Amino acid sequence: MTKTIDKDLFARYLKGKYSYGDLKKIREWFSSFEYESDLRKNLYTHWESILKENSDPKNLQHIYKKIHYEILVSESNQKRSKIVFNKLRQVAAIFIVAILFSGLGFYFAKNHKADQQGWIEINAPLGSRVEFLLPDSTRGWLNSGSKLKYTSNFTENRLVELSGEGYFDVKNMFNSIFRVSVADMNIDVLGTKFNVSAYSEDDFTEVVLEKGKVEITGKTGNFRQILKPNEKISFNRWDRKIKLSEVNPLRSSAWKEGMLVIENESLGKALHRIERWYNINIIIKDDKIKDYHFKATFIDEPLEEVLRLIAKTTPIDYEIEDRKFLDNNIIEKRNVIIKTK
């Protein structure tokens, strides 16, 4: 169901006159598809008066995502007092680019390859999870520290590049393949739901299929695999071998619901995921800690509670160091020291 926003509050926000409570409300609007239609309408009204040009409101899709991302970055860095006019200038520039792409789309499609076109990028800052909507109505989520890119002619060439972890609910379009490209493989689908984990710092690239069918072709390894629902493929980047297994796909994508699922994995791998989830630095004092195994599911738990429960069930101890101010008044990441008891 479509919902409407508070126009006066939105106008105050664009002028930089807002409270923390207002910002929370703005963030709620940009985090829900129910407000999307009214948000685009109001964005169009404000930018039309600035640019003094009539343009297709559909081009506001990327502006919508840009502001959504800026709000998340603003909150994660706790810079709530940042002047909004900086955002306005950045987004207005993107709006102009969108108009140019709209006018020159035929030229680019005829004379340029995909890598010569402009790329639109969606980012999930460390410690956050971002929901997205692509121009073909494909929906999805990006996990902490992930990045998704797609070209301006996306509806003609449904290719996205993923770095990190993403969940996709792909819109089925007749005779049109949707491709997710990661460092080690291409994942081709027609209409399906699946999760991809391809962080550059991890040893494995993993794809878990929830619904439909996907075809996976190796880039750095010579393999081709068709996945069926409830199957997972893991590609080891060191020995370039693949492993196929049956899984519960909902466990693999539970992160988009705020659930941190640790499936009886090594503590070294689990701590690395916790590090990324909470945007912290974990320093392990004894390498044998990495070999312990741990299983748990945390639902929006604070870092201290997660560490306390791990220490309760494994022979480790931890210390959370105080955060320090750097010379440029930026607060450094929190350090967590992990050691044996």
C-alpha atoms as a PDB file:
ATOM      1  CA  MET A   1       0.000   0.000   0.000  1.00  0.00           C
ATOM      2  CA  THR A   2       1.345   3.456  -0.986  1.00  0.00           C
ATOM      3  CA  LYS A   3       1.873   5.905   1.884  1.00  0.00           C
ATOM      4  CA  THR A   4       2.466   9.665   1.884  1.00  0.00           C
ATOM      5  CA  ILE A   5       5.205  11.639   3.608  1.00  0.00           C
ATOM      6  CA  ASP A   6       5.038  14.841   5.651  1.00  0.00           C
ATOM      7  CA  LYS A   7       5.830  17.483   2.993  1.00  0.00           C
ATOM      8  CA  ASP A   8       6.695  20.212   5.527  1.00  0.00           C
ATOM      9  CA  LEU A   9       9.141  17.942   7.353  1.00  0.00           C
ATOM     10  CA  PHE A  10      10.696  16.909   4.044  1.00  0.00           C
ATOM     11  CA  ALA A  11      11.109  20.556   2.999  1.00  0.00           C
ATOM     12  CA  ARG A  12      12.806  21.356   6.340  1.00  0.00           C
ATOM     13  CA  TYR A  13      15.158  18.424   5.827  1.00  0.00           C
ATOM     14  CA  LEU A  14      16.212  19.662   2.363  1.00  0.00           C
ATOM     15  CA  LYS A  15      16.962  23.078   3.906  1.00  0.00           C
ATOM     16  CA  GLY A  16      19.084  21.514   6.639  1.00  0.00           C
ATOM     17  CA  LYS A  17      16.631  22.418   9.404  1.00  0.00           C
ATOM     18  CA  TYR A  18      15.771  19.191  11.144  1.00  0.00           C
ATOM     19  CA  SER A  19      16.036  17.415  14.479  1.00  0.00           C
ATOM     20  CA  TYR A  20      17.331  13.931  15.219  1.00  0.00           C
ATOM     21  CA  GLY A  21      13.700  12.799  15.463  1.00  0.00           C
ATOM     22  CA  ASP A  22      13.053  14.255  11.993  1.00  0.00           C
ATOM     23  CA  LEU A  23      16.071  12.388  10.606  1.00  0.00           C
ATOM     24  CA  LYS A  24      14.777   9.102  12.021  1.00  0.00           C
ATOM     25  CA  LYS A  25      11.469   9.740  10.249  1.00  0.00           C
ATOM     26  CA  ILE A  26      13.223  10.602   6.977  1.00  0.00           C
ATOM     27  CA  ARG A  27      15.292   7.415   7.265  1.00  0.00           C
ATOM     28  CA  GLU A  28      12.096   5.407   7.802  1.00  0.00           C
ATOM     29  CA  TRP A  29      10.615   6.832   4.584  1.00  0.00           C
ATOM     30  CA  PHE A  30      13.691   6.013   2.519  1.00  0.00           C
ATOM     31  CA  SER A  31      13.871   2.507   4.006  1.00  0.00           C
ATOM     32  CA  SER A  32      10.353   1.512   2.936  1.00  0.00           C
ATOM     33  CA  PHE A  33       9.044   0.936  -0.583  1.00  0.00           C
ATOM     34  CA  GLU A  34       5.592   2.078   0.611  1.00  0.00           C
ATOM     35  CA  TYR A  35       6.747   5.728   0.586  1.00  0.00           C
ATOM     36  CA  GLU A  36       8.726   5.497  -2.654  1.00  0.00           C
ATOM     37  CA  SER A  37       6.073   6.924  -4.987  1.00  0.00           C
ATOM     38  CA  ASP A  38       5.379   9.983  -2.821  1.00  0.00           C
ATOM     39  CA  LEU A  39       9.105  10.545  -2.187  1.00  0.00           C
ATOM     40  CA  ARG A  40       9.839  10.604  -5.910  1.00  0.00           C
ATOM     41  CA  LYS A  41       6.955  13.017  -6.469  1.00  0.00           C
ATOM     42  CA  ASN A  42       8.289  15.404  -3.825  1.00  0.00           C
ATOM     43  CA  LEU A  43      11.875  15.057  -5.044  1.00  0.00           C
ATOM     44  CA  TYR A  44      10.737  15.943  -8.536  1.00  0.00           C
ATOM     45  CA  THR A  45       8.906  19.028  -7.283  1.00  0.00           C
ATOM     46  CA  HIS A  46      11.964  20.331  -5.417  1.00  0.00           C
ATOM     47  CA  TRP A  47      14.499  19.650  -8.164  1.00  0.00           C
ATOM     48  CA  GLU A  48      12.265  20.979 -10.904  1.00  0.00           C
ATOM     49  CA  SER A  49      12.333  24.389  -9.226  1.00  0.00           C
ATOM     50  CA  ILE A  50      16.136  24.236  -8.960  1.00  0.00           C
ATOM     51  CA  LEU A  51      16.971  22.926 -12.424  1.00  0.00           C
ATOM     52  CA  LYS A  52      14.053  24.721 -14.132  1.00  0.00           C
ATOM     53  CA  GLU A  53      13.730  21.844 -16.594  1.00  0.00           C
ATOM     54  CA  ASN A  54      11.057  19.244 -17.157  1.00  0.00           C
ATOM     55  CA  SER A  55      12.353  15.660 -17.040  1.00  0.00           C
ATOM     56  CA  ASP A  56      10.989  12.195 -16.755  1.00  0.00           C
ATOM     57  CA  PRO A  57      10.308  11.444 -13.038  1.00  0.00           C
ATOM     58  CA  LYS A  58      11.552   7.894 -13.684  1.00  0.00           C
ATOM     59  CA  ASN A  59      15.068   9.341 -13.745  1.00  0.00           C
ATOM     60  CA  LEU A  60      14.711  10.092 -10.042  1.00  0.00           C
ATOM     61  CA  GLN A  61      15.302   6.400  -9.241  1.00  0.00           C
ATOM     62  CA  HIS A  62      19.046   6.922  -8.832  1.00  0.00           C
ATOM     63  CA  ILE A  63      18.563  10.149  -6.867  1.00  0.00           C
ATOM     64  CA  TYR A  64      16.271   8.273  -4.514  1.00  0.00           C
ATOM     65  CA  LYS A  65      18.936   5.622  -3.917  1.00  0.00           C
ATOM     66  CA  LYS A  66      21.692   8.232  -3.543  1.00  0.00           C
ATOM     67  CA  ILE A  67      19.860  10.030  -0.741  1.00  0.00           C
ATOM     68  CA  HIS A  68      19.000   6.698   0.889  1.00  0.00           C
ATOM     69  CA  TYR A  69      22.705   5.823   0.901  1.00  0.00           C
ATOM     70  CA  GLU A  70      23.740   9.282   2.186  1.00  0.00           C
ATOM     71  CA  ILE A  71      21.325   8.949   5.110  1.00  0.00           C
ATOM     72  CA  LEU A  72      22.795   5.573   6.061  1.00  0.00           C
ATOM     73  CA  VAL A  73      26.350   6.913   5.841  1.00  0.00           C
ATOM     74  CA  SER A  74      25.313   9.947   7.869  1.00  0.00           C
ATOM     75  CA  GLU A  75      23.919   7.758  10.639  1.00  0.00           C
ATOM     76  CA  SER A  76      26.732   5.212  10.667  1.00  0.00           C
ATOM     77  CA  ASN A  77      29.315   7.994  11.067  1.00  0.00           C
ATOM     78  CA  GLN A  78      27.116   9.869  13.546  1.00  0.00           C
ATOM     79  CA  LYS A  79      27.393  13.075  11.540  1.00  0.00           C
ATOM     80  CA  ARG A  80      23.764  14.056  11.911  1.00  0.00           C
ATOM     81  CA  SER A  81      24.554  17.767  11.815  1.00  0.00           C
ATOM     82  CA  LYS A  82      25.989  17.615   8.283  1.00  0.00           C
ATOM     83  CA  ILE A  83      24.607  20.424   6.080  1.00  0.00           C
ATOM     84  CA  VAL A  84      22.126  18.978   3.611  1.00  0.00           C
ATOM     85  CA  PHE A  85      23.011  21.425   0.859  1.00  0.00           C
ATOM     86  CA  ASN A  86      26.160  19.351   0.194  1.00  0.00           C
ATOM     87  CA  LYS A  87      23.908  16.392  -0.542  1.00  0.00           C
ATOM     88  CA  LEU A  88      21.638  18.582  -2.632  1.00  0.00           C
ATOM     89  CA  ARG A  89      24.502  19.640  -4.909  1.00  0.00           C
ATOM     90  CA  GLN A  90      25.701  16.047  -5.316  1.00  0.00           C
ATOM     91  CA  VAL A  91      22.228  14.723  -6.060  1.00  0.00           C
ATOM     92  CA  ALA A  92      21.438  17.595  -8.425  1.00  0.00           C
ATOM     93  CA  ALA A  93      24.578  16.670 -10.377  1.00  0.00           C
ATOM     94  CA  ILE A  94      23.382  13.073 -10.608  1.00  0.00           C
ATOM     95  CA  PHE A  95      20.017  14.364 -11.777  1.00  0.00           C
ATOM     96  CA  ILE A  96      21.684  16.267 -14.639  1.00  0.00           C
ATOM     97  CA  VAL A  97      23.622  13.138 -15.601  1.00  0.00           C
ATOM     98  CA  ALA A  98      20.356  11.180 -15.608  1.00  0.00           C
ATOM     99  CA  ILE A  99      18.848  13.712 -18.032  1.00  0.00           C
ATOM    100  CA  LEU A 100      21.861  13.410 -20.321  1.00  0.00           C
ATOM    101  CA  PHE A 101      21.610   9.615 -20.316  1.00  0.00           C
ATOM    102  CA  SER A 102      17.916   9.876 -21.096  1.00  0.00           C
ATOM    103  CA  GLY A 103      18.572  12.131 -24.095  1.00  0.00           C
ATOM    104  CA  LEU A 104      21.614  10.257 -25.407  1.00  0.00           C
ATOM    105  CA  GLY A 105      20.513   6.727 -24.539  1.00  0.00           C
ATOM    106  CA  PHE A 106      20.021   5.742 -28.179  1.00  0.00           C
ATOM    107  CA  TYR A 107      23.484   7.011 -29.097  1.00  0.00           C
ATOM    108  CA  PHE A 108      25.184   5.112 -26.296  1.00  0.00           C
ATOM    109  CA  ALA A 109      23.272   1.925 -27.064  1.00  0.00           C
ATOM    110  CA  LYS A 110      24.327   2.075 -30.696  1.00  0.00           C
ATOM    111  CA  ASN A 111      27.955   3.196 -30.375  1.00  0.00           C
ATOM    112  CA  HIS A 112      29.334   2.301 -26.937  1.00  0.00           C
ATOM    113  CA  LYS A 113      30.040  -0.903 -25.069  1.00  0.00           C
ATOM    114  CA  ALA A 114      28.788  -1.385 -21.495  1.00  0.00           C
ATOM    115  CA  ASP A 115      32.156  -0.568 -19.948  1.00  0.00           C
ATOM    116  CA  GLN A 116      32.148   2.844 -21.655  1.00  0.00           C
ATOM    117  CA  GLN A 117      28.839   3.872 -20.133  1.00  0.00           C
ATOM    118  CA  GLY A 118      28.184   5.456 -16.785  1.00  0.00           C
ATOM    119  CA  TRP A 119      27.842   3.078 -13.859  1.00  0.00           C
ATOM    120  CA  ILE A 120      25.300   3.556 -11.093  1.00  0.00           C
ATOM    121  CA  GLU A 121      26.557   2.339  -7.728  1.00  0.00           C
ATOM    122  CA  ILE A 122      24.760   1.319  -4.528  1.00  0.00           C
ATOM    123  CA  ASN A 123      26.789   0.905  -1.351  1.00  0.00           C
ATOM    124  CA  ALA A 124      26.074  -0.619   2.050  1.00  0.00           C
ATOM    125  CA  PRO A 125      28.368   1.092   4.590  1.00  0.00           C
ATOM    126  CA  LEU A 126      30.096  -1.119   7.127  1.00  0.00           C
ATOM    127  CA  GLY A 127      27.725  -1.985   9.952  1.00  0.00           C
ATOM    128  CA  SER A 128      24.592  -1.496   7.826  1.00  0.00           C
ATOM    129  CA  ARG A 129      22.286  -3.387   5.463  1.00  0.00           C
ATOM    130  CA  VAL A 130      20.682  -1.650   2.484  1.00  0.00           C
ATOM    131  CA  GLU A 131      17.554  -2.599   0.557  1.00  0.00           C
ATOM    132  CA  PHE A 132      17.533  -1.718  -3.161  1.00  0.00           C
ATOM    133  CA  LEU A 133      15.211  -1.663  -6.169  1.00  0.00           C
ATOM    134  CA  LEU A 134      16.671  -1.913  -9.683  1.00  0.00           C
ATOM    135  CA  PRO A 135      15.098  -0.309 -12.791  1.00  0.00           C
ATOM    136  CA  ASP A 136      13.602  -3.653 -13.907  1.00  0.00           C
ATOM    137  CA  SER A 137      11.819  -4.023 -10.522  1.00  0.00           C
ATOM    138  CA  THR A 138      14.325  -6.594  -9.249  1.00  0.00           C
ATOM    139  CA  ARG A 139      14.554  -6.163  -5.480  1.00  0.00           C
ATOM    140  CA  GLY A 140      17.302  -7.097  -3.098  1.00  0.00           C
ATOM    141  CA  TRP A 141      19.557  -6.346  -0.164  1.00  0.00           C
ATOM    142  CA  LEU A 142      23.243  -5.552   0.309  1.00  0.00           C
ATOM    143  CA  ASN A 143      25.052  -6.714   3.427  1.00  0.00           C
ATOM    144  CA  SER A 144      27.593  -4.686   5.409  1.00  0.00           C
ATOM    145  CA  GLY A 145      30.542  -3.410   3.360  1.00  0.00           C
ATOM    146  CA  SER A 146      29.058  -4.486  -0.006  1.00  0.00           C
ATOM    147  CA  LYS A 147      28.808  -2.696  -3.336  1.00  0.00           C
ATOM    148  CA  LEU A 148      26.510  -3.190  -6.348  1.00  0.00           C
ATOM    149  CA  LYS A 149      27.068  -1.581  -9.768  1.00  0.00           C
ATOM    150  CA  TYR A 150      24.943  -1.531 -12.920  1.00  0.00           C
ATOM    151  CA  THR A 151      25.039   0.402 -16.177  1.00  0.00           C
ATOM    152  CA  SER A 152      22.725   3.180 -17.299  1.00  0.00           C
ATOM    153  CA  ASN A 153      21.189   0.953 -20.024  1.00  0.00           C
ATOM    154  CA  PHE A 154      20.266  -1.681 -17.449  1.00  0.00           C
ATOM    155  CA  THR A 155      16.859  -2.553 -18.861  1.00  0.00           C
ATOM    156  CA  GLU A 156      18.560  -3.543 -22.132  1.00  0.00           C
ATOM    157  CA  ASN A 157      21.511  -5.315 -20.526  1.00  0.00           C
ATOM    158  CA  ARG A 158      20.599  -6.704 -17.102  1.00  0.00           C
ATOM    159  CA  LEU A 159      24.137  -7.012 -15.747  1.00  0.00           C
ATOM    160  CA  VAL A 160      25.166  -6.137 -12.186  1.00  0.00           C
ATOM    161  CA  GLU A 161      28.599  -6.357 -10.588  1.00  0.00           C
ATOM    162  CA  LEU A 162      28.702  -7.360  -6.936  1.00  0.00           C
ATOM    163  CA  SER A 163      31.473  -7.002  -4.392  1.00  0.00           C
ATOM    164  CA  GLY A 164      30.501  -8.369  -0.983  1.00  0.00           C
ATOM    165  CA  GLU A 165      27.193 -10.062  -0.177  1.00  0.00           C
ATOM    166  CA  GLY A 166      23.808  -9.556  -1.767  1.00  0.00           C
ATOM    167  CA  TYR A 167      20.351 -11.133  -1.862  1.00  0.00           C
ATOM    168  CA  PHE A 168      18.378 -10.928  -5.124  1.00  0.00           C
ATOM    169  CA  ASP A 169      14.682 -11.381  -5.908  1.00  0.00           C
ATOM    170  CA  VAL A 170      14.949 -11.161  -9.697  1.00  0.00           C
ATOM    171  CA  LYS A 171      12.091  -9.904 -11.851  1.00  0.00           C
ATOM    172  CA  ASN A 172      11.318 -12.474 -14.538  1.00  0.00           C
ATOM    173  CA  MET A 173      11.352 -10.820 -17.960  1.00  0.00           C
ATOM    174  CA  PHE A 174      10.643 -13.013 -20.986  1.00  0.00           C
ATOM    175  CA  ASN A 175      13.802 -13.917 -22.902  1.00  0.00           C
ATOM    176  CA  SER A 176      15.941 -11.567 -20.788  1.00  0.00           C
ATOM    177  CA  ILE A 177      18.725 -13.011 -18.634  1.00  0.00           C
ATOM    178  CA  PHE A 178      19.749 -11.307 -15.408  1.00  0.00           C
ATOM    179  CA  ARG A 179      23.476 -11.709 -14.663  1.00  0.00           C
ATOM    180  CA  VAL A 180      25.324 -11.160 -11.389  1.00  0.00           C
ATOM    181  CA  SER A 181      29.056 -10.883 -11.988  1.00  0.00           C
ATOM    182  CA  VAL A 182      31.491 -11.419  -9.105  1.00  0.00           C
ATOM    183  CA  ALA A 183      35.267 -11.877  -9.118  1.00  0.00           C
ATOM    184  CA  ASP A 184      35.185 -15.669  -9.556  1.00  0.00           C
ATOM    185  CA  MET A 185      32.003 -16.390 -11.485  1.00  0.00           C
ATOM    186  CA  ASN A 186      28.990 -15.242 -13.481  1.00  0.00           C
ATOM    187  CA  ILE A 187      25.525 -16.143 -12.201  1.00  0.00           C
ATOM    188  CA  ASP A 188      22.777 -16.174 -14.853  1.00  0.00           C
ATOM    189  CA  VAL A 189      19.089 -16.286 -13.937  1.00  0.00           C
ATOM    190  CA  LEU A 190      15.645 -15.723 -15.447  1.00  0.00           C
ATOM    191  CA  GLY A 191      13.504 -15.197 -12.350  1.00  0.00           C
ATOM    192  CA  THR A 192      14.569 -16.457  -8.963  1.00  0.00           C
ATOM    193  CA  LYS A 193      15.657 -15.736  -5.372  1.00  0.00           C
ATOM    194  CA  PHE A 194      19.225 -16.375  -4.296  1.00  0.00           C
ATOM    195  CA  ASN A 195      22.045 -15.174  -2.054  1.00  0.00           C
ATOM    196  CA  VAL A 196      25.623 -14.434  -3.157  1.00  0.00           C
ATOM    197  CA  SER A 197      28.580 -13.948  -0.812  1.00  0.00           C
ATOM    198  CA  ALA A 198      31.716 -12.740  -2.612  1.00  0.00           C
ATOM    199  CA  TYR A 199      33.742 -10.556  -0.257  1.00  0.00           C
ATOM    200  CA  SER A 200      37.235 -10.014  -1.659  1.00  0.00           C
ATOM    201  CA  GLU A 201      38.864 -10.770   1.709  1.00  0.00           C
ATOM    202  CA  ASP A 202      37.119 -14.153   2.125  1.00  0.00           C
ATOM    203  CA  ASP A 203      38.507 -17.517   0.969  1.00  0.00           C
ATOM    204  CA  PHE A 204      35.228 -18.641  -0.583  1.00  0.00           C
ATOM    205  CA  THR A 205      32.603 -17.357  -2.978  1.00  0.00           C
ATOM    206  CA  GLU A 206      29.198 -18.883  -2.193  1.00  0.00           C
ATOM    207  CA  VAL A 207      25.840 -18.925  -3.950  1.00  0.00           C
ATOM    208  CA  VAL A 208      22.700 -20.286  -2.265  1.00  0.00           C
ATOM    209  CA  LEU A 209      19.527 -20.775  -4.297  1.00  0.00           C
ATOM    210  CA  GLU A 210      16.168 -20.281  -2.616  1.00  0.00           C
ATOM    211  CA  LYS A 211      13.809 -20.435  -5.599  1.00  0.00           C
ATOM    212  CA  GLY A 212      14.043 -20.944  -9.367  1.00  0.00           C
ATOM    213  CA  LYS A 213      17.206 -21.932 -11.214  1.00  0.00           C
ATOM    214  CA  VAL A 214      20.625 -20.339 -11.763  1.00  0.00           C
ATOM    215  CA  GLU A 215      23.510 -21.237 -14.024  1.00  0.00           C
ATOM    216  CA  ILE A 216      27.000 -20.500 -12.694  1.00  0.00           C
ATOM    217  CA  THR A 217      30.077 -20.234 -14.902  1.00  0.00           C
ATOM    218  CA  GLY A 218      33.574 -19.947 -13.463  1.00  0.00           C
ATOM    219  CA  LYS A 219      35.942 -17.118 -14.338  1.00  0.00           C
ATOM    220  CA  THR A 220      39.071 -18.037 -12.367  1.00  0.00           C
ATOM    221  CA  GLY A 221      38.161 -21.739 -12.319  1.00  0.00           C
ATOM    222  CA  ASN A 222      36.935 -23.884 -15.207  1.00  0.00           C
ATOM    223  CA  PHE A 223      33.472 -25.019 -14.122  1.00  0.00           C
ATOM    224  CA  ARG A 224      29.800 -24.758 -14.981  1.00  0.00           C
ATOM    225  CA  GLN A 225      27.065 -25.639 -12.511  1.00  0.00           C
ATOM    226  CA  ILE A 226      23.267 -25.397 -12.521  1.00  0.00           C
ATOM    227  CA  LEU A 227      21.809 -24.916  -9.046  1.00  0.00           C
ATOM    228  CA  LYS A 228      18.445 -26.174  -7.876  1.00  0.00           C
ATOM    229  CA  PRO A 229      16.490 -24.777  -4.894  1.00  0.00           C
ATOM    230  CA  ASN A 230      18.051 -25.497  -1.479  1.00  0.00           C
ATOM    231  CA  GLU A 231      21.505 -25.992  -2.992  1.00  0.00           C
ATOM    232  CA  LYS A 232      24.719 -24.115  -2.233  1.00  0.00           C
ATOM    233  CA  ILE A 233      27.864 -23.928  -4.307  1.00  0.00           C
ATOM    234  CA  SER A 234      31.140 -22.911  -2.638  1.00  0.00           C
ATOM    235  CA  PHE A 235      34.176 -21.973  -4.708  1.00  0.00           C
ATOM    236  CA  ASN A 236      37.530 -22.145  -2.919  1.00  0.00           C
ATOM    237  CA  ARG A 237      39.737 -19.365  -4.247  1.00  0.00           C
ATOM    238  CA  TRP A 238      42.931 -21.122  -3.174  1.00  0.00           C
ATOM    239  CA  ASP A 239      42.589 -24.554  -4.784  1.00  0.00           C
ATOM    240  CA  ARG A 240      39.891 -23.430  -7.280  1.00  0.00           C
ATOM    241  CA  LYS A 241      37.639 -26.327  -6.382  1.00  0.00           C
ATOM    242  CA  ILE A 242      33.867 -26.221  -5.988  1.00  0.00           C
ATOM    243  CA  LYS A 243      31.670 -27.942  -3.428  1.00  0.00           C
ATOM    244  CA  LEU A 244      27.944 -28.565  -3.843  1.00  0.00           C
ATOM    245  CA  SER A 245      25.735 -29.129  -0.785  1.00  0.00           C
ATOM    246  CA  GLU A 246      22.114 -28.997   0.375  1.00  0.00           C
ATOM    247  CA  VAL A 247      21.229 -26.197   2.801  1.00  0.00           C
ATOM    248  CA  ASN A 248      18.361 -24.256   4.289  1.00  0.00           C
ATOM    249  CA  PRO A 249      18.469 -21.141   2.042  1.00  0.00           C
ATOM    250  CA  LEU A 250      16.620 -18.999   4.571  1.00  0.00           C
ATOM    251  CA  ARG A 251      19.559 -19.341   6.967  1.00  0.00           C
ATOM    252  CA  SER A 252      21.942 -17.949   4.346  1.00  0.00           C
ATOM    253  CA  SER A 253      19.834 -14.848   3.702  1.00  0.00           C
ATOM    254  CA  ALA A 254      18.706 -14.249   7.300  1.00  0.00           C
ATOM    255  CA  TRP A 255      21.172 -11.344   7.534  1.00  0.00           C
ATOM    256  CA  LYS A 256      18.726  -9.117   5.645  1.00  0.00           C
ATOM    257  CA  GLU A 257      16.299  -9.542   8.555  1.00  0.00           C
ATOM    258  CA  GLY A 258      18.959  -8.429  11.056  1.00  0.00           C
ATOM    259  CA  MET A 259      19.965 -11.982  11.996  1.00  0.00           C
ATOM    260  CA  LEU A 260      23.625 -12.953  12.341  1.00  0.00           C
ATOM    261  CA  VAL A 261      23.660 -16.736  11.766  1.00  0.00           C
ATOM    262  CA  ILE A 262      26.805 -18.683  12.665  1.00  0.00           C
ATOM    263  CA  GLU A 263      26.447 -22.275  11.446  1.00  0.00           C
ATOM    264  CA  ASN A 264      28.923 -24.336  13.481  1.00  0.00           C
ATOM    265  CA  GLU A 265      31.804 -22.612  11.713  1.00  0.00           C
ATOM    266  CA  SER A 266      35.348 -21.929  12.845  1.00  0.00           C
ATOM    267  CA  LEU A 267      35.668 -19.107  15.320  1.00  0.00           C
ATOM    268  CA  GLY A 268      38.189 -17.466  13.024  1.00  0.00           C
ATOM    269  CA  LYS A 269      35.571 -17.204  10.275  1.00  0.00           C
ATOM    270  CA  ALA A 270      32.815 -16.241  12.726  1.00  0.00           C
ATOM    271  CA  LEU A 271      34.887 -13.444  14.271  1.00  0.00           C
ATOM    272  CA  HIS A 272      35.703 -12.130  10.818  1.00  0.00           C
ATOM    273  CA  ARG A 273      31.978 -11.925  10.037  1.00  0.00           C
ATOM    274  CA  ILE A 274      31.313 -10.229  13.404  1.00  0.00           C
ATOM    275  CA  GLU A 275      34.077  -7.742  12.617  1.00  0.00           C
ATOM    276  CA  ARG A 276      32.358  -6.807   9.371  1.00  0.00           C
ATOM    277  CA  TRP A 277      28.844  -6.874  10.888  1.00  0.00           C
ATOM    278  CA  TYR A 278      29.678  -4.393  13.665  1.00  0.00           C
ATOM    279  CA  ASN A 279      32.352  -2.410  11.779  1.00  0.00           C
ATOM    280  CA  ILE A 280      35.088  -3.101  14.355  1.00  0.00           C
ATOM    281  CA  ASN A 281      38.684  -4.370  14.415  1.00  0.00           C
ATOM    282  CA  ILE A 282      39.164  -7.768  16.047  1.00  0.00           C
ATOM    283  CA  ILE A 283      42.701  -8.635  17.133  1.00  0.00           C
ATOM    284  CA  ILE A 284      43.217 -12.360  17.861  1.00  0.00           C
ATOM    285  CA  LYS A 285      46.153 -12.916  20.208  1.00  0.00           C
ATOM    286  CA  ASP A 286      46.380 -16.698  19.825  1.00  0.00           C
ATOM    287  CA  ASP A 287      45.926 -18.414  16.439  1.00  0.00           C
ATOM    288  CA  LYS A 288      44.517 -21.607  17.954  1.00  0.00           C
ATOM    289  CA  ILE A 289      41.399 -19.588  18.833  1.00  0.00           C
ATOM    290  CA  LYS A 290      40.552 -19.607  15.122  1.00  0.00           C
ATOM    291  CA  ASP A 291      40.115 -23.390  15.149  1.00  0.00           C
ATOM    292  CA  TYR A 292      37.376 -23.486  17.804  1.00  0.00           C
ATOM    293  CA  HIS A 293      33.870 -23.955  16.419  1.00  0.00           C
ATOM    294  CA  PHE A 294      30.757 -22.036  17.342  1.00  0.00           C
ATOM    295  CA  LYS A 295      27.034 -22.121  16.490  1.00  0.00           C
ATOM    296  CA  ALA A 296      24.481 -19.442  17.307  1.00  0.00           C
ATOM    297  CA  THR A 297      21.921 -17.049  15.864  1.00  0.00           C
ATOM    298  CA  PHE A 298      21.878 -13.436  17.039  1.00  0.00           C
ATOM    299  CA  ILE A 299      18.974 -11.114  16.300  1.00  0.00           C
ATOM    300  CA  ASP A 300      19.948  -7.434  16.484  1.00  0.00           C
ATOM    301  CA  GLU A 301      22.091  -8.085  19.555  1.00  0.00           C
ATOM    302  CA  PRO A 302      24.605  -5.450  20.708  1.00  0.00           C
ATOM    303  CA  LEU A 303      28.270  -6.327  20.236  1.00  0.00           C
ATOM    304  CA  GLU A 304      28.901  -6.747  23.965  1.00  0.00           C
ATOM    305  CA  GLU A 305      26.175  -9.400  24.265  1.00  0.00           C
ATOM    306  CA  VAL A 306      27.477 -11.349  21.263  1.00  0.00           C
ATOM    307  CA  LEU A 307      31.002 -11.428  22.695  1.00  0.00           C
ATOM    308  CA  ARG A 308      29.715 -12.368  26.143  1.00  0.00           C
ATOM    309  CA  LEU A 309      27.815 -15.372  24.775  1.00  0.00           C
ATOM    310  CA  ILE A 310      30.769 -16.542  22.678  1.00  0.00           C
ATOM    311  CA  ALA A 311      33.058 -16.311  25.702  1.00  0.00           C
ATOM    312  CA  LYS A 312      30.516 -18.276  27.733  1.00  0.00           C
ATOM    313  CA  THR A 313      30.576 -21.262  25.360  1.00  0.00           C
ATOM    314  CA  THR A 314      34.198 -21.239  24.142  1.00  0.00           C
ATOM    315  CA  PRO A 315      37.536 -20.941  26.027  1.00  0.00           C
ATOM    316  CA  ILE A 316      38.151 -17.317  25.068  1.00  0.00           C
ATOM    317  CA  ASP A 317      38.178 -13.971  26.804  1.00  0.00           C
ATOM    318  CA  TYR A 318      37.822 -10.519  25.285  1.00  0.00           C
ATOM    319  CA  GLU A 319      38.509  -6.859  25.935  1.00  0.00           C
ATOM    320  CA  ILE A 320      36.792  -3.932  24.230  1.00  0.00           C
ATOM    321  CA  GLU A 321      39.165  -0.974  24.035  1.00  0.00           C
ATOM    322  CA  ASP A 322      38.007   2.622  24.299  1.00  0.00           C
ATOM    323  CA  ARG A 323      37.679   4.433  20.997  1.00  0.00           C
ATOM    324  CA  LYS A 324      40.140   7.217  20.261  1.00  0.00           C
ATOM    325  CA  PHE A 325      39.921  10.512  18.412  1.00  0.00           C
ATOM    326  CA  LEU A 326      42.311  10.894  15.500  1.00  0.00           C
ATOM    327  CA  ASP A 327      43.968  14.187  14.551  1.00  0.00           C
ATOM    328  CA  ASN A 328      41.163  15.120  12.152  1.00  0.00           C
ATOM    329  CA  ASN A 329      38.518  14.579  14.885  1.00  0.00           C
ATOM    330  CA  ILE A 330      37.385  11.300  13.340  1.00  0.00           C
ATOM    331  CA  ILE A 331      36.658   8.551  15.848  1.00  0.00           C
ATOM    332  CA  GLU A 332      38.614   5.411  14.981  1.00  0.00           C
ATOM    333  CA  LYS A 333      37.054   1.974  14.808  1.00  0.00           C
ATOM    334  CA  ARG A 334      36.590   0.120  18.069  1.00  0.00           C
ATOM    335  CA  ASN A 335      39.271  -2.499  18.767  1.00  0.00           C
ATOM    336  CA  VAL A 336      38.345  -5.833  20.355  1.00  0.00           C
ATOM    337  CA  ILE A 337      41.108  -8.033  21.747  1.00  0.00           C
ATOM    338  CA  ILE A 338      40.393 -11.792  21.719  1.00  0.00           C
ATOM    339  CA  LYS A 339      42.601 -14.151  23.750  1.00  0.00           C
ATOM    340  CA  THR A 340      42.432 -17.565  25.407  1.00  0.00           C
ATOM    341  CA  LYS A 341      41.224 -17.800  28.995  1.00  0.00           C
END
